Amino acid sequence: MSVHKEIKRVTTFSLQEMKQKGERIAMLTAYDYSMATILDDAGVDVLLVGDSASNVMAGHETTLPITLDQMIYHAASVVRAAKRAFVVVDLPFGSYQGNSKEALSSAIRIMKEAGAHGVKLEGGIEIMDSVQRIITAGIPVMGHLGLTPQSIYKFGTYTVRAKEEAEANKLRTDALALQEAGCFAIVMEKIPAQLGKDVTESLDIPTIGIGAGGYCDGQVLVVNDMLGLTKGFRPRFLRQYLNLYEEIKGATAGYIADVKSNDFPNEKEQY
């Protein structure tokens, strides 16, 4: 008999239970096996394979260039590491908007080829056909409202969304419509804290905030920002827990110096 305690996988059901119990949901992004292993070991509830990989992994200015194939590659790497966390994958720009058939086939590819547990789509009423079609196929969908980075060229800026009453009301309506369609959770990005609170209280499904205040049912950050791997990115909503940029740079400088001075490898470090 194994004394080894079985790790219980986080599911849409357990996330729903967490909301009901008032237990906060901790979510972080991940894009590769090594980092996802650490985050999963630490006990993070949800790992988001974000299209933010376009920025932090590939160096693009926006999330738009990343392809479905690239998202599947990142997602498969994360899924292989996640023993406990629920793994959600962003459907990238152009893989679901305006064509619910294409949206479904994109989502199916992510589930089959990456082994993911669910997908995330940006938008409300505009993408409802896609959301419904994916959910009807039995694939869990997480919504995303507020600042939707795939629409950055429409907004023209990354500032706080839904400060005006009209946009706030649309967000409220969209959130209810997404819940009605069967979404299991909704990410709300860069909106006033009071609106985050109103929407969270109006929904039965969990909300996950990023710059949406402390009343959401959970929080998400881009792991590279949270660990200080990204240089010079300090929005108000970010709490940086480490400064890995400087740590890694210092370690690298040490390695370079040791190689140049012929200190590395020493006698113990050779065969």
Protein backbone atom coordinates (compact mmCIF):
# COMPACT_ATOMS: atom_id res chain seq x y z
CA MET A 1 0.00 0.00 0.00
CA SER A 2 1.33 3.42 -0.94
CA VAL A 3 1.70 5.94 1.87
CA HIS A 4 1.88 8.58 -0.83
CA LYS A 5 -1.15 10.88 -0.56
CA GLU A 6 -3.01 11.22 -3.80
CA ILE A 7 -3.08 14.74 -5.18
CA LYS A 8 -6.62 15.90 -5.80
CA ARG A 9 -7.06 17.77 -9.06
CA VAL A 10 -8.75 21.17 -8.97
CA THR A 11 -11.91 21.09 -11.15
CA THR A 12 -14.64 23.50 -12.24
CA PHE A 13 -16.70 21.95 -9.44
CA SER A 14 -14.08 22.64 -6.75
CA LEU A 15 -13.67 26.23 -8.01
CA GLN A 16 -17.43 26.69 -7.66
CA GLU A 17 -17.24 25.27 -4.11
CA MET A 18 -14.43 27.69 -3.29
CA LYS A 19 -16.64 30.63 -4.23
CA GLN A 20 -19.47 29.29 -2.08
CA LYS A 21 -17.15 28.82 0.91
CA GLY A 22 -15.53 32.22 0.41
CA GLU A 23 -12.12 30.65 -0.23
CA ARG A 24 -10.09 32.81 -2.61
CA ILE A 25 -8.82 31.29 -5.87
CA ALA A 26 -5.12 31.78 -6.67
CA MET A 27 -4.32 31.77 -10.39
CA LEU A 28 -1.06 32.48 -12.23
CA THR A 29 0.05 32.24 -15.83
CA ALA A 30 2.54 29.59 -16.96
CA TYR A 31 4.08 28.87 -20.34
CA ASP A 32 6.64 26.12 -19.81
CA TYR A 33 7.21 22.86 -17.97
CA SER A 34 9.84 24.01 -15.44
CA MET A 35 7.93 27.03 -14.17
CA ALA A 36 4.58 25.20 -14.17
CA THR A 37 6.13 22.42 -12.04
CA ILE A 38 7.16 24.96 -9.39
CA LEU A 39 3.82 26.79 -9.39
CA ASP A 40 1.87 23.53 -9.20
CA ASP A 41 4.10 22.30 -6.35
CA ALA A 42 3.46 25.56 -4.48
CA GLY A 43 -0.28 24.82 -4.63
CA VAL A 44 -1.63 27.34 -7.14
CA ASP A 45 -5.28 26.54 -7.97
CA VAL A 46 -5.42 27.50 -11.64
CA LEU A 47 -2.67 27.79 -14.24
CA LEU A 48 -3.52 30.02 -17.18
CA VAL A 49 -1.58 29.41 -20.36
CA GLY A 50 -2.10 33.01 -21.42
CA ASP A 51 -1.67 34.50 -24.84
CA SER A 52 0.53 36.88 -22.82
CA ALA A 53 3.16 34.34 -23.93
CA SER A 54 3.18 36.52 -27.05
CA ASN A 55 4.66 39.34 -24.92
CA VAL A 56 6.72 37.64 -22.23
CA MET A 57 7.96 34.57 -24.10
CA ALA A 58 8.17 35.84 -27.69
CA GLY A 59 8.79 39.57 -27.23
CA HIS A 60 5.84 40.85 -29.26
CA GLU A 61 4.30 44.20 -28.44
CA THR A 62 0.77 42.76 -28.26
CA THR A 63 -0.94 39.38 -27.79
CA LEU A 64 -2.18 39.38 -31.39
CA PRO A 65 0.69 37.58 -33.23
CA ILE A 66 0.67 34.31 -31.25
CA THR A 67 -0.81 31.37 -33.19
CA LEU A 68 -3.01 28.46 -32.16
CA ASP A 69 -0.11 26.04 -32.81
CA GLN A 70 2.16 28.06 -30.52
CA MET A 71 -0.50 28.17 -27.80
CA ILE A 72 -0.88 24.38 -28.04
CA TYR A 73 2.90 23.95 -27.69
CA HIS A 74 2.98 26.11 -24.53
CA ALA A 75 -0.17 24.47 -23.14
CA ALA A 76 1.10 20.91 -23.63
CA SER A 77 4.29 21.83 -21.72
CA VAL A 78 2.26 23.21 -18.81
CA VAL A 79 -0.20 20.29 -18.74
CA ARG A 80 2.70 17.83 -18.43
CA ALA A 81 3.76 19.65 -15.25
CA ALA A 82 0.40 20.23 -13.58
CA LYS A 83 -0.52 17.49 -11.13
CA ARG A 84 -3.05 19.50 -9.14
CA ALA A 85 -3.83 22.81 -10.87
CA PHE A 86 -6.69 23.28 -13.30
CA VAL A 87 -5.13 24.33 -16.63
CA VAL A 88 -6.95 26.93 -18.75
CA VAL A 89 -5.68 28.00 -22.17
CA ASP A 90 -6.36 31.23 -24.03
CA LEU A 91 -7.85 30.90 -27.48
CA PRO A 92 -5.58 33.25 -29.43
CA PHE A 93 -6.72 36.21 -31.52
CA GLY A 94 -8.36 35.13 -34.77
CA SER A 95 -9.12 31.58 -33.65
CA TYR A 96 -12.69 32.19 -32.47
CA GLN A 97 -14.01 35.68 -33.28
CA GLY A 98 -16.84 35.82 -35.78
CA ASN A 99 -16.87 32.12 -36.59
CA SER A 100 -18.27 29.73 -34.00
CA LYS A 101 -17.33 26.66 -36.08
CA GLU A 102 -13.70 27.72 -36.12
CA ALA A 103 -13.94 28.58 -32.41
CA LEU A 104 -15.08 25.05 -31.64
CA SER A 105 -12.38 23.41 -33.72
CA SER A 106 -9.73 25.63 -32.05
CA ALA A 107 -11.00 24.65 -28.60
CA ILE A 108 -11.11 20.96 -29.54
CA ARG A 109 -7.49 21.12 -30.74
CA ILE A 110 -6.41 22.67 -27.44
CA MET A 111 -8.22 19.99 -25.43
CA LYS A 112 -7.01 17.06 -27.55
CA GLU A 113 -3.47 18.09 -28.47
CA ALA A 114 -2.49 19.89 -25.26
CA GLY A 115 -4.64 17.94 -22.79
CA ALA A 116 -5.94 21.18 -21.27
CA HIS A 117 -8.90 21.34 -18.89
CA GLY A 118 -10.64 24.40 -20.31
CA VAL A 119 -10.30 27.44 -22.58
CA LYS A 120 -10.60 31.20 -22.10
CA LEU A 121 -12.16 33.64 -24.57
CA GLU A 122 -12.23 37.44 -24.49
CA GLY A 123 -15.51 39.31 -24.91
CA GLY A 124 -19.20 39.22 -24.07
CA ILE A 125 -22.34 39.24 -26.22
CA GLU A 126 -20.22 39.58 -29.42
CA ILE A 127 -18.72 36.11 -29.00
CA MET A 128 -21.74 34.37 -27.47
CA ASP A 129 -22.20 31.99 -30.43
CA SER A 130 -18.64 30.73 -30.00
CA VAL A 131 -18.98 30.40 -26.22
CA GLN A 132 -22.22 28.42 -26.50
CA ARG A 133 -20.91 26.15 -29.21
CA ILE A 134 -17.76 25.28 -27.23
CA ILE A 135 -19.71 24.66 -24.01
CA THR A 136 -22.26 22.50 -25.86
CA ALA A 137 -19.33 20.31 -26.91
CA GLY A 138 -18.54 19.74 -23.22
CA ILE A 139 -15.51 22.03 -23.03
CA PRO A 140 -15.31 24.31 -19.96
CA VAL A 141 -15.12 28.02 -20.87
CA MET A 142 -13.74 30.88 -18.77
CA GLY A 143 -14.87 34.35 -19.85
CA HIS A 144 -12.75 37.51 -19.91
CA LEU A 145 -14.22 41.03 -19.62
CA GLY A 146 -12.96 44.56 -18.99
CA LEU A 147 -9.63 45.24 -20.62
CA THR A 148 -9.44 42.60 -23.34
CA PRO A 149 -5.87 42.80 -24.70
CA GLN A 150 -6.78 41.17 -28.04
CA SER A 151 -8.88 44.28 -28.78
CA ILE A 152 -6.05 46.67 -27.93
CA TYR A 153 -6.09 48.36 -31.33
CA LYS A 154 -9.81 49.09 -30.87
CA PHE A 155 -9.24 50.63 -27.42
CA GLY A 156 -5.96 52.29 -28.42
CA THR A 157 -4.72 52.21 -24.82
CA TYR A 158 -4.21 49.86 -21.86
CA THR A 159 -5.95 52.16 -19.37
CA VAL A 160 -8.71 51.15 -16.93
CA ARG A 161 -11.96 50.08 -18.63
CA ALA A 162 -15.63 50.55 -17.73
CA LYS A 163 -15.27 53.80 -15.81
CA GLU A 164 -18.22 55.26 -17.74
CA GLU A 165 -21.71 54.04 -16.88
CA ALA A 166 -22.47 52.70 -20.38
CA GLU A 167 -19.41 50.46 -20.51
CA ALA A 168 -19.94 49.38 -16.89
CA ASN A 169 -23.52 48.38 -17.69
CA LYS A 170 -22.42 46.43 -20.75
CA LEU A 171 -19.88 44.59 -18.58
CA ARG A 172 -22.61 43.69 -16.07
CA THR A 173 -24.86 42.43 -18.89
CA ASP A 174 -22.02 40.52 -20.54
CA ALA A 175 -21.08 38.84 -17.24
CA LEU A 176 -24.63 37.60 -16.69
CA ALA A 177 -24.86 36.44 -20.31
CA LEU A 178 -21.60 34.47 -19.99
CA GLN A 179 -22.86 32.84 -16.79
CA GLU A 180 -26.17 32.07 -18.50
CA ALA A 181 -24.30 30.47 -21.42
CA GLY A 182 -22.56 28.13 -18.97
CA CYS A 183 -19.12 29.67 -18.37
CA PHE A 184 -17.52 28.30 -15.19
CA ALA A 185 -15.67 31.54 -14.28
CA ILE A 186 -14.93 35.04 -15.58
CA VAL A 187 -11.68 37.02 -15.56
CA MET A 188 -12.16 40.78 -15.12
CA GLU A 189 -9.20 42.94 -16.07
CA LYS A 190 -8.44 46.55 -15.10
CA ILE A 191 -11.86 47.76 -14.01
CA PRO A 192 -12.89 49.87 -10.97
CA ALA A 193 -12.93 47.85 -7.73
CA GLN A 194 -16.56 48.76 -7.02
CA LEU A 195 -17.67 47.36 -10.39
CA GLY A 196 -15.62 44.21 -9.66
CA LYS A 197 -17.50 43.88 -6.37
CA ASP A 198 -20.94 44.45 -7.97
CA VAL A 199 -20.36 41.85 -10.68
CA THR A 200 -18.87 39.30 -8.28
CA GLU A 201 -21.90 39.61 -5.99
CA SER A 202 -24.33 39.34 -8.92
CA LEU A 203 -22.87 36.06 -10.18
CA ASP A 204 -23.04 32.46 -8.94
CA ILE A 205 -19.80 31.59 -10.77
CA PRO A 206 -16.35 32.71 -9.58
CA THR A 207 -14.73 35.93 -10.79
CA ILE A 208 -10.96 36.25 -11.10
CA GLY A 209 -9.54 39.75 -11.03
CA ILE A 210 -6.41 41.33 -12.44
CA GLY A 211 -6.50 44.97 -11.44
CA ALA A 212 -10.19 44.55 -10.58
CA GLY A 213 -9.99 45.03 -6.81
CA GLY A 214 -10.09 42.79 -3.76
CA TYR A 215 -13.73 41.71 -3.93
CA CYS A 216 -13.28 39.20 -6.77
CA ASP A 217 -13.39 35.49 -5.89
CA GLY A 218 -9.80 35.07 -7.01
CA GLN A 219 -6.79 36.86 -8.45
CA VAL A 220 -4.46 36.27 -11.40
CA LEU A 221 -1.08 37.76 -12.30
CA VAL A 222 1.36 37.13 -15.12
CA VAL A 223 4.00 34.99 -13.41
CA ASN A 224 6.89 36.82 -15.11
CA ASP A 225 5.62 40.11 -13.64
CA MET A 226 4.92 38.66 -10.18
CA LEU A 227 8.46 37.25 -9.99
CA GLY A 228 10.08 40.39 -11.38
CA LEU A 229 11.43 38.71 -14.50
CA THR A 230 10.04 41.50 -16.66
CA LYS A 231 12.10 44.68 -16.51
CA GLY A 232 10.42 47.98 -15.77
CA PHE A 233 6.77 46.82 -15.87
CA ARG A 234 5.11 48.13 -12.70
CA PRO A 235 1.38 48.78 -13.11
CA ARG A 236 -0.56 49.67 -9.96
CA PHE A 237 -2.27 46.25 -9.77
CA LEU A 238 1.02 44.33 -9.70
CA ARG A 239 2.59 43.15 -6.45
CA GLN A 240 6.12 42.00 -7.27
CA TYR A 241 7.25 39.19 -4.93
CA LEU A 242 10.82 38.87 -6.19
CA ASN A 243 13.23 40.76 -8.41
CA LEU A 244 14.41 37.81 -10.49
CA TYR A 245 15.65 40.11 -13.25
CA GLU A 246 18.43 41.40 -10.98
CA GLU A 247 18.99 38.02 -9.27
CA ILE A 248 19.46 36.16 -12.56
CA LYS A 249 21.53 38.96 -14.07
CA GLY A 250 23.82 38.87 -11.00
CA ALA A 251 24.17 35.09 -11.16
CA THR A 252 24.97 35.29 -14.88
CA ALA A 253 27.58 37.98 -14.29
CA GLY A 254 29.15 35.69 -11.66
CA TYR A 255 29.25 32.80 -14.11
CA ILE A 256 30.80 34.96 -16.84
CA ALA A 257 33.46 36.23 -14.42
CA ASP A 258 34.31 32.69 -13.27
CA VAL A 259 34.65 31.44 -16.85
CA LYS A 260 36.81 34.43 -17.88
CA SER A 261 39.10 34.08 -14.85
CA ASN A 262 39.40 30.33 -15.43
CA ASP A 263 37.89 29.69 -11.99
CA PHE A 264 35.09 27.55 -13.49
CA PRO A 265 35.28 24.59 -13.78
CA ASN A 266 37.54 23.77 -10.82
CA GLU A 267 39.08 20.36 -10.05
CA LYS A 268 35.93 19.06 -8.36
CA GLU A 269 33.84 20.03 -11.37
CA GLN A 270 35.64 17.88 -13.93
CA TYR A 271 36.03 14.17 -14.66
